[in-house]
Amino acid sequence: MDKRVPTVGPDTEILEAIEFLLRHRVTGAPVVDDAGNLVGMLTERDCLELIATGMDGEAPRGRVAEFMTTEVTTISPDMDVYYVAGLFLNYSFRRFPVVEDGRLVGAITRFDILRVMRAFMRRPRRVPARPSDDEGA
């Protein structure tokens, strides 16, 4: 889990938020209020929908709160990594916000799961003990 997660506020101007996503090279960002509570997610899809609806040649206007996704699937900090890997298979999300008591405490991405797998695969394997010749005689 990454505990340093770039976030935007619900009152951030949408063009500023798009610039934020581009600057941080992320496909989405949690939206948090002043108390650190997760109130939504702003994804590249939300931004694409904004552009696809057309603005009559005008730049999009408004605040993040008008465009963000408010029904967010979250996970808890103690959730099993194998379960989270299964969630990634069931959802098209690239990241899950990690929330504890309503507050954002981190995020986990598909890439994070791959790093866990790499560490697991590099870990020395335990060889089962063989019974000694003295046992069972």
Protein backbone atom coordinates (compact mmCIF):
# COMPACT_ATOMS: atom_id res chain seq x y z
CA MET A 1 0.00 0.00 0.00
CA ASP A 2 1.23 3.43 -0.86
CA LYS A 3 0.61 5.82 2.03
CA ARG A 4 1.55 8.89 -0.01
CA VAL A 5 -1.40 9.31 -2.35
CA PRO A 6 -1.90 12.44 -4.44
CA THR A 7 -5.40 13.78 -3.78
CA VAL A 8 -7.64 16.56 -4.99
CA GLY A 9 -10.36 18.44 -3.18
CA PRO A 10 -14.00 18.59 -4.23
CA ASP A 11 -13.76 22.35 -4.78
CA THR A 12 -10.76 22.11 -7.13
CA GLU A 13 -11.47 23.51 -10.59
CA ILE A 14 -11.83 20.65 -13.09
CA LEU A 15 -9.14 21.97 -15.45
CA GLU A 16 -6.75 22.26 -12.51
CA ALA A 17 -7.60 18.67 -11.55
CA ILE A 18 -6.92 17.44 -15.08
CA GLU A 19 -3.55 19.19 -14.97
CA PHE A 20 -2.95 17.53 -11.58
CA LEU A 21 -3.59 14.05 -13.05
CA LEU A 22 -1.23 14.75 -15.93
CA ARG A 23 1.49 16.24 -13.70
CA HIS A 24 1.40 13.26 -11.32
CA ARG A 25 1.05 10.76 -14.19
CA VAL A 26 -1.92 9.04 -12.57
CA THR A 27 -5.17 7.84 -14.10
CA GLY A 28 -7.24 8.87 -11.11
CA ALA A 29 -7.08 10.50 -7.73
CA PRO A 30 -9.05 10.21 -4.51
CA VAL A 31 -11.12 13.25 -3.67
CA VAL A 32 -10.88 14.15 0.01
CA ASP A 33 -12.48 16.86 2.11
CA ASP A 34 -10.57 19.11 4.50
CA ALA A 35 -10.75 16.45 7.25
CA GLY A 36 -9.17 13.79 5.02
CA ASN A 37 -12.44 11.91 4.49
CA LEU A 38 -12.80 10.19 1.13
CA VAL A 39 -15.74 11.78 -0.72
CA GLY A 40 -15.14 10.44 -4.23
CA MET A 41 -12.70 9.59 -6.99
CA LEU A 42 -11.83 11.59 -10.05
CA THR A 43 -10.73 9.30 -12.85
CA GLU A 44 -9.55 9.82 -16.38
CA ARG A 45 -12.88 8.32 -17.42
CA ASP A 46 -14.75 11.05 -15.55
CA CYS A 47 -12.64 13.61 -17.41
CA LEU A 48 -13.18 11.90 -20.78
CA GLU A 49 -16.95 11.92 -20.21
CA LEU A 50 -16.72 15.63 -19.51
CA ILE A 51 -14.94 16.24 -22.79
CA ALA A 52 -17.13 13.80 -24.77
CA THR A 53 -20.32 15.61 -23.75
CA GLY A 54 -19.03 18.65 -25.61
CA MET A 55 -18.73 22.19 -24.42
CA ASP A 56 -19.56 24.06 -27.65
CA GLY A 57 -15.89 24.84 -28.18
CA GLU A 58 -15.53 26.22 -24.66
CA ALA A 59 -13.10 24.89 -22.09
CA PRO A 60 -14.80 22.66 -19.49
CA ARG A 61 -15.75 24.52 -16.33
CA GLY A 62 -16.82 23.48 -12.91
CA ARG A 63 -15.49 21.87 -9.79
CA VAL A 64 -14.33 18.31 -9.19
CA ALA A 65 -17.44 17.63 -7.06
CA GLU A 66 -19.59 18.01 -10.19
CA PHE A 67 -17.72 15.34 -12.15
CA MET A 68 -16.23 12.87 -9.65
CA THR A 69 -17.52 9.38 -8.98
CA THR A 70 -19.14 9.35 -5.55
CA GLU A 71 -19.78 5.61 -5.14
CA VAL A 72 -16.25 4.39 -4.51
CA THR A 73 -15.21 0.81 -3.82
CA THR A 74 -12.67 0.90 -1.02
CA ILE A 75 -10.65 -1.60 0.95
CA SER A 76 -9.47 -1.67 4.55
CA PRO A 77 -5.78 -1.61 5.53
CA ASP A 78 -5.93 -5.17 6.91
CA MET A 79 -7.47 -6.78 3.82
CA ASP A 80 -5.69 -9.89 2.58
CA VAL A 81 -3.53 -9.29 -0.53
CA TYR A 82 -4.96 -12.37 -2.26
CA TYR A 83 -8.48 -11.05 -1.78
CA VAL A 84 -7.44 -7.67 -3.18
CA ALA A 85 -5.92 -9.42 -6.22
CA GLY A 86 -9.31 -11.07 -6.77
CA LEU A 87 -11.03 -7.69 -6.54
CA PHE A 88 -8.79 -6.40 -9.31
CA LEU A 89 -9.97 -9.32 -11.45
CA ASN A 90 -13.62 -8.48 -10.75
CA TYR A 91 -13.36 -4.72 -11.29
CA SER A 92 -11.76 -2.68 -14.03
CA PHE A 93 -10.23 -0.35 -11.43
CA ARG A 94 -6.52 0.30 -11.48
CA ARG A 95 -6.38 1.29 -7.83
CA PHE A 96 -8.41 0.98 -4.66
CA PRO A 97 -8.40 3.66 -2.00
CA VAL A 98 -7.54 2.26 1.42
CA VAL A 99 -9.89 3.73 4.00
CA GLU A 100 -10.02 3.43 7.77
CA ASP A 101 -12.87 5.06 9.71
CA GLY A 102 -13.87 7.03 6.61
CA ARG A 103 -10.42 8.57 6.21
CA LEU A 104 -8.08 7.89 3.32
CA VAL A 105 -4.93 6.19 4.62
CA GLY A 106 -3.45 5.01 1.32
CA ALA A 107 -4.07 3.27 -1.96
CA ILE A 108 -3.16 -0.02 -3.55
CA THR A 109 -2.68 -0.52 -7.25
CA ARG A 110 -2.39 -3.49 -9.56
CA PHE A 111 1.31 -2.71 -9.73
CA ASP A 112 1.55 -3.03 -5.93
CA ILE A 113 0.07 -6.52 -6.17
CA LEU A 114 2.67 -7.47 -8.77
CA ARG A 115 5.44 -6.26 -6.44
CA VAL A 116 4.05 -8.45 -3.66
CA MET A 117 4.05 -11.43 -6.03
CA ARG A 118 7.64 -10.73 -7.06
CA ALA A 119 8.73 -10.61 -3.41
CA PHE A 120 6.83 -13.82 -2.71
CA MET A 121 8.45 -15.59 -5.66
CA ARG A 122 11.95 -14.50 -4.58
CA ARG A 123 11.47 -15.67 -1.02
CA PRO A 124 13.45 -18.83 -0.20
CA ARG A 125 11.19 -21.84 -0.08
CA ARG A 126 11.14 -24.07 2.94
CA VAL A 127 12.05 -27.65 2.23
CA PRO A 128 9.87 -30.08 4.19
CA ALA A 129 11.82 -32.08 6.73
CA ARG A 130 12.39 -35.70 5.82
CA PRO A 131 11.82 -38.33 8.46
CA SER A 132 15.09 -39.67 9.81
CA ASP A 133 16.09 -43.31 9.33
CA ASP A 134 15.62 -43.86 13.08
CA GLU A 135 11.93 -42.96 12.95
CA GLY A 136 9.46 -45.69 12.34
CA ALA A 137 11.97 -48.54 12.85
